[in-house]
Amino acid sequence: MLRDVELTFTEAGSGGPLFVMPEYGYNKEYMRTALKALEGVARVFYIDLPPLSNFKNLPTVGGTGLPEYPIDRLVEAFDELRQQRKQEQIAILGHGMTAWVAMRYASRYPEHVSHLILVSTWPSGMAWGHGRQRLEDDGKRRGDVEQEHYAQTLLIDINTGTPNYQPQSQQEAEALRRMGWSCYFADRRDGLAWLLYPGVFRDMGPCIIPEFHIAKEKTPRVPTLIIYGSHPRALWTASGDAKALAKAYPGAVVVACPASNMLPMQEDHELFVKTLKGFFRRYKFRGKLGG
């Protein structure tokens, strides 16, 4: 337990510590396959975000009856892990929505961040909502009802706590989860999507994600890498999202991955790994892992 938060993680490699978080609702396994090449330059901590059942006494939001995911408590748990490993600084990588956790950690503990890596993410909850709407609109335009319904399951009525669309059976719920994973790929024909799928889903429990906006964060001047998918089929994020993040982190390195949607670590694997290795070489870790 780390400050009353139970973290599940696997660590591998040698070098300065790199904390890696998968996208919300997925587990660390797809990150392990993608980042294995970095284990020669960093001690990589592949972390699963705790489900709601791991937290006690969470307040509910409005009339929804749903708890708010405790991002700040997770940030404190990460800092406790850093202290336990006797590290002055850590590198921290967040993918998708969990990059908000990485950004919050950097805001709160800038002196303890050696590298901040933001992968396929948004500068605000509103920007996330625009991506969700693009996904729904694309489904409607192409007559893909399953994609349309998947996008609607992500929108929660703040008064009732119910999604705009609820699957009618367990079979449909599973189909929509598969659709969600498929939508992360620019090339949905890629067999890698289904090769990885059986091990990626992580049931977090129903909750509300706290509102996030980069303009309200105290963005530190730390070495920052922003990497995102720029394929024409990249609906979830947009180049404007990367530009807004780069504006918030002056001097940030911004890399567009032309074959990717939300998963540049898979669809642009060679470029992704080369970029991260170069980033670590440019801004070296302070010391090795201890403790």
C-alpha atoms as a PDB file:
ATOM      1  CA  MET A   1       0.000   0.000   0.000  1.00  0.00           C
ATOM      2  CA  LEU A   2       1.276   3.461  -0.925  1.00  0.00           C
ATOM      3  CA  ARG A   3      -0.476   6.216   1.053  1.00  0.00           C
ATOM      4  CA  ASP A   4      -3.567   4.000   1.267  1.00  0.00           C
ATOM      5  CA  VAL A   5      -3.491   3.284  -2.477  1.00  0.00           C
ATOM      6  CA  GLU A   6      -2.819  -0.258  -3.703  1.00  0.00           C
ATOM      7  CA  LEU A   7      -0.682  -0.084  -6.851  1.00  0.00           C
ATOM      8  CA  THR A   8      -0.105  -3.089  -9.089  1.00  0.00           C
ATOM      9  CA  PHE A   9       3.015  -2.847 -11.209  1.00  0.00           C
ATOM     10  CA  THR A  10       5.780  -4.815 -12.886  1.00  0.00           C
ATOM     11  CA  GLU A  11       9.289  -3.445 -13.238  1.00  0.00           C
ATOM     12  CA  ALA A  12      12.069  -4.348 -15.644  1.00  0.00           C
ATOM     13  CA  GLY A  13      15.271  -2.914 -17.079  1.00  0.00           C
ATOM     14  CA  SER A  14      18.076  -0.811 -15.629  1.00  0.00           C
ATOM     15  CA  GLY A  15      18.709   2.909 -15.471  1.00  0.00           C
ATOM     16  CA  GLY A  16      16.700   5.859 -14.213  1.00  0.00           C
ATOM     17  CA  PRO A  17      13.096   5.130 -13.161  1.00  0.00           C
ATOM     18  CA  LEU A  18      10.323   5.530 -15.753  1.00  0.00           C
ATOM     19  CA  PHE A  19       6.728   5.257 -14.485  1.00  0.00           C
ATOM     20  CA  VAL A  20       4.386   4.152 -17.300  1.00  0.00           C
ATOM     21  CA  MET A  21       0.590   4.351 -17.168  1.00  0.00           C
ATOM     22  CA  PRO A  22      -1.687   2.784 -19.804  1.00  0.00           C
ATOM     23  CA  GLU A  23      -4.828   4.476 -21.042  1.00  0.00           C
ATOM     24  CA  TYR A  24      -7.726   4.499 -18.581  1.00  0.00           C
ATOM     25  CA  GLY A  25      -9.756   1.295 -18.818  1.00  0.00           C
ATOM     26  CA  TYR A  26      -6.866  -0.781 -20.170  1.00  0.00           C
ATOM     27  CA  ASN A  27      -4.060  -2.604 -18.419  1.00  0.00           C
ATOM     28  CA  LYS A  28      -0.305  -2.399 -18.654  1.00  0.00           C
ATOM     29  CA  GLU A  29       0.241  -5.383 -20.973  1.00  0.00           C
ATOM     30  CA  TYR A  30       0.145  -3.470 -24.271  1.00  0.00           C
ATOM     31  CA  MET A  31       2.657  -0.995 -22.860  1.00  0.00           C
ATOM     32  CA  ARG A  32       4.992  -3.820 -21.874  1.00  0.00           C
ATOM     33  CA  THR A  33       5.079  -5.146 -25.430  1.00  0.00           C
ATOM     34  CA  ALA A  34       5.702  -1.657 -26.816  1.00  0.00           C
ATOM     35  CA  LEU A  35       8.334  -0.379 -24.383  1.00  0.00           C
ATOM     36  CA  LYS A  36      10.491  -3.444 -23.887  1.00  0.00           C
ATOM     37  CA  ALA A  37      13.165  -1.804 -26.060  1.00  0.00           C
ATOM     38  CA  LEU A  38      13.464   0.996 -23.479  1.00  0.00           C
ATOM     39  CA  GLU A  39      14.448  -1.376 -20.697  1.00  0.00           C
ATOM     40  CA  GLY A  40      18.070  -0.956 -21.743  1.00  0.00           C
ATOM     41  CA  VAL A  41      18.033   2.756 -20.865  1.00  0.00           C
ATOM     42  CA  ALA A  42      15.493   2.920 -18.015  1.00  0.00           C
ATOM     43  CA  ARG A  43      14.068   0.952 -15.142  1.00  0.00           C
ATOM     44  CA  VAL A  44      10.489   0.790 -16.398  1.00  0.00           C
ATOM     45  CA  PHE A  45       7.619   0.543 -13.927  1.00  0.00           C
ATOM     46  CA  TYR A  46       4.551  -0.724 -15.830  1.00  0.00           C
ATOM     47  CA  ILE A  47       1.674   0.424 -13.623  1.00  0.00           C
ATOM     48  CA  ASP A  48      -1.990  -0.587 -13.631  1.00  0.00           C
ATOM     49  CA  LEU A  49      -4.338   2.153 -12.490  1.00  0.00           C
ATOM     50  CA  PRO A  50      -6.286   0.910  -9.454  1.00  0.00           C
ATOM     51  CA  PRO A  51      -9.979   0.178 -10.030  1.00  0.00           C
ATOM     52  CA  LEU A  52     -12.590   2.023  -7.981  1.00  0.00           C
ATOM     53  CA  SER A  53     -12.944  -0.990  -5.668  1.00  0.00           C
ATOM     54  CA  ASN A  54      -9.421  -0.273  -4.339  1.00  0.00           C
ATOM     55  CA  PHE A  55     -10.501   3.056  -2.851  1.00  0.00           C
ATOM     56  CA  LYS A  56     -12.638   3.693   0.210  1.00  0.00           C
ATOM     57  CA  ASN A  57     -14.949   6.550   1.147  1.00  0.00           C
ATOM     58  CA  LEU A  58     -14.970   8.255  -2.245  1.00  0.00           C
ATOM     59  CA  PRO A  59     -17.493  11.118  -2.466  1.00  0.00           C
ATOM     60  CA  THR A  60     -20.104  10.923  -5.200  1.00  0.00           C
ATOM     61  CA  VAL A  61     -20.664  13.532  -7.902  1.00  0.00           C
ATOM     62  CA  GLY A  62     -23.906  15.510  -8.042  1.00  0.00           C
ATOM     63  CA  GLY A  63     -26.990  13.416  -8.663  1.00  0.00           C
ATOM     64  CA  THR A  64     -25.073  10.680 -10.471  1.00  0.00           C
ATOM     65  CA  GLY A  65     -24.388   8.529  -7.432  1.00  0.00           C
ATOM     66  CA  LEU A  66     -21.011   7.816  -9.038  1.00  0.00           C
ATOM     67  CA  PRO A  67     -17.648   8.483  -7.392  1.00  0.00           C
ATOM     68  CA  GLU A  68     -15.014  10.695  -8.958  1.00  0.00           C
ATOM     69  CA  TYR A  69     -11.826   8.889  -9.907  1.00  0.00           C
ATOM     70  CA  PRO A  70      -9.248  10.034  -7.292  1.00  0.00           C
ATOM     71  CA  ILE A  71      -6.447  11.350  -9.513  1.00  0.00           C
ATOM     72  CA  ASP A  72      -4.791  13.309  -6.710  1.00  0.00           C
ATOM     73  CA  ARG A  73      -4.588  10.267  -4.434  1.00  0.00           C
ATOM     74  CA  LEU A  74      -2.920   8.363  -7.249  1.00  0.00           C
ATOM     75  CA  VAL A  75      -0.398  11.192  -7.655  1.00  0.00           C
ATOM     76  CA  GLU A  76       0.464  10.911  -3.953  1.00  0.00           C
ATOM     77  CA  ALA A  77       0.914   7.147  -4.287  1.00  0.00           C
ATOM     78  CA  PHE A  78       3.379   7.666  -7.131  1.00  0.00           C
ATOM     79  CA  ASP A  79       5.389  10.061  -5.015  1.00  0.00           C
ATOM     80  CA  GLU A  80       5.460   7.561  -2.174  1.00  0.00           C
ATOM     81  CA  LEU A  81       6.816   4.931  -4.578  1.00  0.00           C
ATOM     82  CA  ARG A  82       9.479   7.404  -5.701  1.00  0.00           C
ATOM     83  CA  GLN A  83      10.498   7.977  -2.098  1.00  0.00           C
ATOM     84  CA  GLN A  84      10.552   4.281  -1.278  1.00  0.00           C
ATOM     85  CA  ARG A  85      12.957   3.736  -4.185  1.00  0.00           C
ATOM     86  CA  LYS A  86      15.145   6.597  -2.926  1.00  0.00           C
ATOM     87  CA  GLN A  87      14.905   8.565  -6.162  1.00  0.00           C
ATOM     88  CA  GLU A  88      15.293  12.298  -6.441  1.00  0.00           C
ATOM     89  CA  GLN A  89      13.490  12.290  -9.807  1.00  0.00           C
ATOM     90  CA  ILE A  90      11.394  10.025 -11.996  1.00  0.00           C
ATOM     91  CA  ALA A  91      10.358  10.083 -15.626  1.00  0.00           C
ATOM     92  CA  ILE A  92       6.596   9.688 -16.022  1.00  0.00           C
ATOM     93  CA  LEU A  93       4.656   8.628 -19.119  1.00  0.00           C
ATOM     94  CA  GLY A  94       0.903   8.806 -19.463  1.00  0.00           C
ATOM     95  CA  HIS A  95      -1.136   7.525 -22.403  1.00  0.00           C
ATOM     96  CA  GLY A  96      -4.502   9.017 -23.328  1.00  0.00           C
ATOM     97  CA  MET A  97      -6.536  10.216 -20.370  1.00  0.00           C
ATOM     98  CA  THR A  98      -3.946   9.026 -17.852  1.00  0.00           C
ATOM     99  CA  ALA A  99      -1.552  11.647 -19.187  1.00  0.00           C
ATOM    100  CA  TRP A 100      -3.666  13.962 -17.036  1.00  0.00           C
ATOM    101  CA  VAL A 101      -2.302  12.070 -14.015  1.00  0.00           C
ATOM    102  CA  ALA A 102       1.243  12.575 -15.305  1.00  0.00           C
ATOM    103  CA  MET A 103       0.614  16.291 -15.846  1.00  0.00           C
ATOM    104  CA  ARG A 104      -0.896  16.642 -12.372  1.00  0.00           C
ATOM    105  CA  TYR A 105       2.144  14.908 -10.863  1.00  0.00           C
ATOM    106  CA  ALA A 106       4.450  17.307 -12.722  1.00  0.00           C
ATOM    107  CA  SER A 107       2.380  20.270 -11.506  1.00  0.00           C
ATOM    108  CA  ARG A 108       2.536  19.143  -7.906  1.00  0.00           C
ATOM    109  CA  TYR A 109       6.088  17.770  -7.793  1.00  0.00           C
ATOM    110  CA  PRO A 110       8.058  19.493 -10.581  1.00  0.00           C
ATOM    111  CA  GLU A 111      11.351  19.091  -8.737  1.00  0.00           C
ATOM    112  CA  HIS A 112      10.907  15.314  -8.836  1.00  0.00           C
ATOM    113  CA  VAL A 113      10.250  15.011 -12.605  1.00  0.00           C
ATOM    114  CA  SER A 114      13.185  14.281 -14.903  1.00  0.00           C
ATOM    115  CA  HIS A 115      11.073  13.658 -18.041  1.00  0.00           C
ATOM    116  CA  LEU A 116       7.364  14.178 -18.799  1.00  0.00           C
ATOM    117  CA  ILE A 117       6.028  12.099 -21.701  1.00  0.00           C
ATOM    118  CA  LEU A 118       2.491  12.698 -22.982  1.00  0.00           C
ATOM    119  CA  VAL A 119       1.185  10.189 -25.508  1.00  0.00           C
ATOM    120  CA  SER A 120      -1.986  10.733 -27.559  1.00  0.00           C
ATOM    121  CA  THR A 121      -3.737  12.918 -25.028  1.00  0.00           C
ATOM    122  CA  TRP A 122      -5.852  16.044 -24.649  1.00  0.00           C
ATOM    123  CA  PRO A 123      -5.289  19.443 -23.019  1.00  0.00           C
ATOM    124  CA  SER A 124      -8.713  19.359 -21.351  1.00  0.00           C
ATOM    125  CA  GLY A 125     -11.858  17.371 -20.721  1.00  0.00           C
ATOM    126  CA  MET A 126     -13.566  19.523 -23.339  1.00  0.00           C
ATOM    127  CA  ALA A 127     -10.966  18.478 -25.939  1.00  0.00           C
ATOM    128  CA  TRP A 128     -11.608  14.835 -24.979  1.00  0.00           C
ATOM    129  CA  GLY A 129     -15.312  15.511 -25.561  1.00  0.00           C
ATOM    130  CA  HIS A 130     -14.578  16.863 -29.031  1.00  0.00           C
ATOM    131  CA  GLY A 131     -12.704  13.659 -29.837  1.00  0.00           C
ATOM    132  CA  ARG A 132     -15.593  11.556 -28.569  1.00  0.00           C
ATOM    133  CA  GLN A 133     -17.988  13.570 -30.739  1.00  0.00           C
ATOM    134  CA  ARG A 134     -15.769  13.079 -33.812  1.00  0.00           C
ATOM    135  CA  LEU A 135     -15.899   9.358 -33.173  1.00  0.00           C
ATOM    136  CA  GLU A 136     -19.696   9.347 -32.900  1.00  0.00           C
ATOM    137  CA  ASP A 137     -20.124  11.550 -35.981  1.00  0.00           C
ATOM    138  CA  ASP A 138     -17.808   9.320 -38.009  1.00  0.00           C
ATOM    139  CA  GLY A 139     -19.848   6.279 -37.015  1.00  0.00           C
ATOM    140  CA  LYS A 140     -23.060   7.985 -38.098  1.00  0.00           C
ATOM    141  CA  ARG A 141     -21.550   9.151 -41.388  1.00  0.00           C
ATOM    142  CA  ARG A 142     -20.323   5.660 -42.292  1.00  0.00           C
ATOM    143  CA  GLY A 143     -23.395   3.852 -40.978  1.00  0.00           C
ATOM    144  CA  ASP A 144     -21.329   2.059 -38.330  1.00  0.00           C
ATOM    145  CA  VAL A 145     -23.943   1.701 -35.587  1.00  0.00           C
ATOM    146  CA  GLU A 146     -21.591  -0.173 -33.275  1.00  0.00           C
ATOM    147  CA  GLN A 147     -19.026   2.646 -33.345  1.00  0.00           C
ATOM    148  CA  GLU A 148     -21.809   5.190 -32.835  1.00  0.00           C
ATOM    149  CA  HIS A 149     -23.120   3.281 -29.813  1.00  0.00           C
ATOM    150  CA  TYR A 150     -19.620   2.835 -28.388  1.00  0.00           C
ATOM    151  CA  ALA A 151     -19.056   6.604 -28.506  1.00  0.00           C
ATOM    152  CA  GLN A 152     -22.433   7.169 -26.828  1.00  0.00           C
ATOM    153  CA  THR A 153     -21.547   4.839 -23.933  1.00  0.00           C
ATOM    154  CA  LEU A 154     -18.730   7.246 -23.042  1.00  0.00           C
ATOM    155  CA  LEU A 155     -21.012  10.206 -22.432  1.00  0.00           C
ATOM    156  CA  ILE A 156     -22.505  10.175 -18.917  1.00  0.00           C
ATOM    157  CA  ASP A 157     -25.590  12.175 -17.928  1.00  0.00           C
ATOM    158  CA  ILE A 158     -24.343  14.292 -15.017  1.00  0.00           C
ATOM    159  CA  ASN A 159     -27.823  14.253 -13.429  1.00  0.00           C
ATOM    160  CA  THR A 160     -28.522  10.524 -13.558  1.00  0.00           C
ATOM    161  CA  GLY A 161     -25.118   8.865 -13.933  1.00  0.00           C
ATOM    162  CA  THR A 162     -26.325   6.839 -16.925  1.00  0.00           C
ATOM    163  CA  PRO A 163     -24.573   6.728 -20.305  1.00  0.00           C
ATOM    164  CA  ASN A 164     -26.264   7.971 -23.458  1.00  0.00           C
ATOM    165  CA  TYR A 165     -26.349   4.391 -24.671  1.00  0.00           C
ATOM    166  CA  GLN A 166     -26.467   1.227 -22.562  1.00  0.00           C
ATOM    167  CA  PRO A 167     -25.734  -2.193 -24.093  1.00  0.00           C
ATOM    168  CA  GLN A 168     -28.721  -4.509 -24.133  1.00  0.00           C
ATOM    169  CA  SER A 169     -26.803  -7.660 -23.235  1.00  0.00           C
ATOM    170  CA  GLN A 170     -23.467  -8.886 -21.953  1.00  0.00           C
ATOM    171  CA  GLN A 171     -22.617  -9.952 -25.495  1.00  0.00           C
ATOM    172  CA  GLU A 172     -23.235  -6.436 -26.790  1.00  0.00           C
ATOM    173  CA  ALA A 173     -21.210  -4.939 -23.925  1.00  0.00           C
ATOM    174  CA  GLU A 174     -18.253  -7.105 -24.913  1.00  0.00           C
ATOM    175  CA  ALA A 175     -18.685  -6.160 -28.575  1.00  0.00           C
ATOM    176  CA  LEU A 176     -18.610  -2.466 -27.682  1.00  0.00           C
ATOM    177  CA  ARG A 177     -15.434  -2.951 -25.648  1.00  0.00           C
ATOM    178  CA  ARG A 178     -13.818  -4.594 -28.663  1.00  0.00           C
ATOM    179  CA  MET A 179     -15.018  -1.696 -30.809  1.00  0.00           C
ATOM    180  CA  GLY A 180     -13.432   0.766 -28.375  1.00  0.00           C
ATOM    181  CA  TRP A 181     -10.050  -0.937 -28.706  1.00  0.00           C
ATOM    182  CA  SER A 182     -10.403  -1.124 -32.491  1.00  0.00           C
ATOM    183  CA  CYS A 183     -11.091   2.636 -32.625  1.00  0.00           C
ATOM    184  CA  TYR A 184      -7.645   3.250 -31.122  1.00  0.00           C
ATOM    185  CA  PHE A 185      -6.013   1.964 -34.334  1.00  0.00           C
ATOM    186  CA  ALA A 186      -5.753   3.956 -37.550  1.00  0.00           C
ATOM    187  CA  ASP A 187      -5.636   0.687 -39.498  1.00  0.00           C
ATOM    188  CA  ARG A 188      -8.398  -1.439 -38.023  1.00  0.00           C
ATOM    189  CA  ARG A 189      -7.430  -4.324 -40.286  1.00  0.00           C
ATOM    190  CA  ASP A 190      -4.164  -4.618 -38.363  1.00  0.00           C
ATOM    191  CA  GLY A 191      -4.066  -8.082 -36.820  1.00  0.00           C
ATOM    192  CA  LEU A 192      -2.118  -6.632 -33.897  1.00  0.00           C
ATOM    193  CA  ALA A 193      -5.343  -5.089 -32.590  1.00  0.00           C
ATOM    194  CA  TRP A 194      -6.929  -8.488 -32.013  1.00  0.00           C
ATOM    195  CA  LEU A 195      -3.677 -10.161 -31.007  1.00  0.00           C
ATOM    196  CA  LEU A 196      -3.394  -7.700 -28.105  1.00  0.00           C
ATOM    197  CA  TYR A 197      -7.090  -7.344 -27.261  1.00  0.00           C
ATOM    198  CA  PRO A 198      -7.653 -10.380 -24.972  1.00  0.00           C
ATOM    199  CA  GLY A 199      -5.153  -9.020 -22.454  1.00  0.00           C
ATOM    200  CA  VAL A 200      -5.819  -5.276 -22.508  1.00  0.00           C
ATOM    201  CA  PHE A 201      -9.248  -4.586 -20.994  1.00  0.00           C
ATOM    202  CA  ARG A 202      -9.337  -3.559 -17.312  1.00  0.00           C
ATOM    203  CA  ASP A 203     -12.669  -3.079 -15.544  1.00  0.00           C
ATOM    204  CA  MET A 204     -12.292   0.119 -13.503  1.00  0.00           C
ATOM    205  CA  GLY A 205     -15.876   0.336 -12.279  1.00  0.00           C
ATOM    206  CA  PRO A 206     -18.347   3.142 -13.102  1.00  0.00           C
ATOM    207  CA  CYS A 207     -17.123   6.603 -12.123  1.00  0.00           C
ATOM    208  CA  ILE A 208     -16.773  10.218 -13.210  1.00  0.00           C
ATOM    209  CA  ILE A 209     -13.383  11.445 -14.421  1.00  0.00           C
ATOM    210  CA  PRO A 210     -12.525  14.774 -12.773  1.00  0.00           C
ATOM    211  CA  GLU A 211     -12.550  17.824 -15.008  1.00  0.00           C
ATOM    212  CA  PHE A 212      -9.077  18.648 -16.286  1.00  0.00           C
ATOM    213  CA  HIS A 213      -7.762  21.703 -18.098  1.00  0.00           C
ATOM    214  CA  ILE A 214      -4.099  22.363 -18.774  1.00  0.00           C
ATOM    215  CA  ALA A 215      -4.683  26.124 -18.375  1.00  0.00           C
ATOM    216  CA  LYS A 216      -5.489  25.521 -14.705  1.00  0.00           C
ATOM    217  CA  GLU A 217      -2.326  23.531 -14.033  1.00  0.00           C
ATOM    218  CA  LYS A 218       0.976  24.994 -12.876  1.00  0.00           C
ATOM    219  CA  THR A 219       2.945  23.670 -15.819  1.00  0.00           C
ATOM    220  CA  PRO A 220       6.623  23.362 -14.866  1.00  0.00           C
ATOM    221  CA  ARG A 221       9.616  23.786 -17.142  1.00  0.00           C
ATOM    222  CA  VAL A 222      10.631  20.143 -17.243  1.00  0.00           C
ATOM    223  CA  PRO A 223      11.845  18.183 -20.293  1.00  0.00           C
ATOM    224  CA  THR A 224       8.585  17.305 -22.044  1.00  0.00           C
ATOM    225  CA  LEU A 225       7.794  15.058 -25.002  1.00  0.00           C
ATOM    226  CA  ILE A 226       4.411  15.209 -26.729  1.00  0.00           C
ATOM    227  CA  ILE A 227       3.817  12.383 -29.183  1.00  0.00           C
ATOM    228  CA  TYR A 228       0.584  11.691 -31.044  1.00  0.00           C
ATOM    229  CA  GLY A 229      -0.951   9.936 -34.050  1.00  0.00           C
ATOM    230  CA  SER A 230      -1.467  12.120 -37.122  1.00  0.00           C
ATOM    231  CA  HIS A 231      -3.025   9.600 -39.532  1.00  0.00           C
ATOM    232  CA  PRO A 232      -6.098  10.916 -41.431  1.00  0.00           C
ATOM    233  CA  ARG A 233      -8.139   8.299 -39.543  1.00  0.00           C
ATOM    234  CA  ALA A 234      -6.969   9.678 -36.184  1.00  0.00           C
ATOM    235  CA  LEU A 235     -10.307  10.812 -34.759  1.00  0.00           C
ATOM    236  CA  TRP A 236      -9.698  10.739 -31.023  1.00  0.00           C
ATOM    237  CA  THR A 237      -7.031  13.440 -30.874  1.00  0.00           C
ATOM    238  CA  ALA A 238      -6.213  16.313 -33.217  1.00  0.00           C
ATOM    239  CA  SER A 239      -3.100  18.291 -34.054  1.00  0.00           C
ATOM    240  CA  GLY A 240      -4.664  21.211 -32.186  1.00  0.00           C
ATOM    241  CA  ASP A 241      -4.523  19.169 -28.980  1.00  0.00           C
ATOM    242  CA  ALA A 242      -0.770  18.714 -29.365  1.00  0.00           C
ATOM    243  CA  LYS A 243      -0.332  22.419 -30.136  1.00  0.00           C
ATOM    244  CA  ALA A 244      -2.247  23.423 -27.011  1.00  0.00           C
ATOM    245  CA  LEU A 245      -0.079  21.143 -24.877  1.00  0.00           C
ATOM    246  CA  ALA A 246       3.110  22.441 -26.497  1.00  0.00           C
ATOM    247  CA  LYS A 247       2.023  26.004 -25.702  1.00  0.00           C
ATOM    248  CA  ALA A 248       1.605  25.012 -22.064  1.00  0.00           C
ATOM    249  CA  TYR A 249       5.050  23.384 -21.938  1.00  0.00           C
ATOM    250  CA  PRO A 250       7.475  25.777 -23.675  1.00  0.00           C
ATOM    251  CA  GLY A 251      10.365  23.960 -25.308  1.00  0.00           C
ATOM    252  CA  ALA A 252       8.487  20.662 -25.483  1.00  0.00           C
ATOM    253  CA  VAL A 253       9.487  18.195 -28.187  1.00  0.00           C
ATOM    254  CA  VAL A 254       6.441  17.425 -30.370  1.00  0.00           C
ATOM    255  CA  VAL A 255       6.416  14.360 -32.629  1.00  0.00           C
ATOM    256  CA  ALA A 256       3.598  13.363 -35.016  1.00  0.00           C
ATOM    257  CA  CYS A 257       3.330   9.669 -35.928  1.00  0.00           C
ATOM    258  CA  PRO A 258       1.870   9.435 -39.450  1.00  0.00           C
ATOM    259  CA  ALA A 259       0.670   5.816 -39.342  1.00  0.00           C
ATOM    260  CA  SER A 260      -1.085   6.081 -35.982  1.00  0.00           C
ATOM    261  CA  ASN A 261      -4.304   6.984 -34.255  1.00  0.00           C
ATOM    262  CA  MET A 262      -4.193   6.551 -30.439  1.00  0.00           C
ATOM    263  CA  LEU A 263      -1.498   3.870 -30.395  1.00  0.00           C
ATOM    264  CA  PRO A 264       1.756   5.252 -31.853  1.00  0.00           C
ATOM    265  CA  MET A 265       3.667   2.821 -29.644  1.00  0.00           C
ATOM    266  CA  GLN A 266       2.151   0.041 -31.788  1.00  0.00           C
ATOM    267  CA  GLU A 267       1.444   1.475 -35.244  1.00  0.00           C
ATOM    268  CA  ASP A 268       4.607   3.617 -35.416  1.00  0.00           C
ATOM    269  CA  HIS A 269       6.646   1.414 -33.112  1.00  0.00           C
ATOM    270  CA  GLU A 270      10.088   2.095 -34.616  1.00  0.00           C
ATOM    271  CA  LEU A 271       9.576   5.869 -34.649  1.00  0.00           C
ATOM    272  CA  PHE A 272       8.086   5.797 -31.153  1.00  0.00           C
ATOM    273  CA  VAL A 273      10.997   3.892 -29.605  1.00  0.00           C
ATOM    274  CA  LYS A 274      13.600   5.933 -31.489  1.00  0.00           C
ATOM    275  CA  THR A 275      11.954   9.154 -30.303  1.00  0.00           C
ATOM    276  CA  LEU A 276      11.878   8.101 -26.653  1.00  0.00           C
ATOM    277  CA  LYS A 277      15.479   6.866 -26.701  1.00  0.00           C
ATOM    278  CA  GLY A 278      16.603  10.142 -28.257  1.00  0.00           C
ATOM    279  CA  PHE A 279      14.617  12.086 -25.658  1.00  0.00           C
ATOM    280  CA  PHE A 280      16.326  10.212 -22.823  1.00  0.00           C
ATOM    281  CA  ARG A 281      19.740  10.760 -24.399  1.00  0.00           C
ATOM    282  CA  ARG A 282      19.088  14.489 -24.771  1.00  0.00           C
ATOM    283  CA  TYR A 283      17.891  14.870 -21.183  1.00  0.00           C
ATOM    284  CA  LYS A 284      19.836  12.319 -19.167  1.00  0.00           C
ATOM    285  CA  PHE A 285      18.577  10.707 -15.985  1.00  0.00           C
ATOM    286  CA  ARG A 286      20.188  11.824 -12.751  1.00  0.00           C
ATOM    287  CA  GLY A 287      21.788   8.663 -11.448  1.00  0.00           C
ATOM    288  CA  LYS A 288      20.614   5.074 -11.391  1.00  0.00           C
ATOM    289  CA  LEU A 289      17.811   3.294  -9.592  1.00  0.00           C
ATOM    290  CA  GLY A 290      18.443   2.806  -5.886  1.00  0.00           C
ATOM    291  CA  GLY A 291      16.709   1.328  -2.910  1.00  0.00           C
END
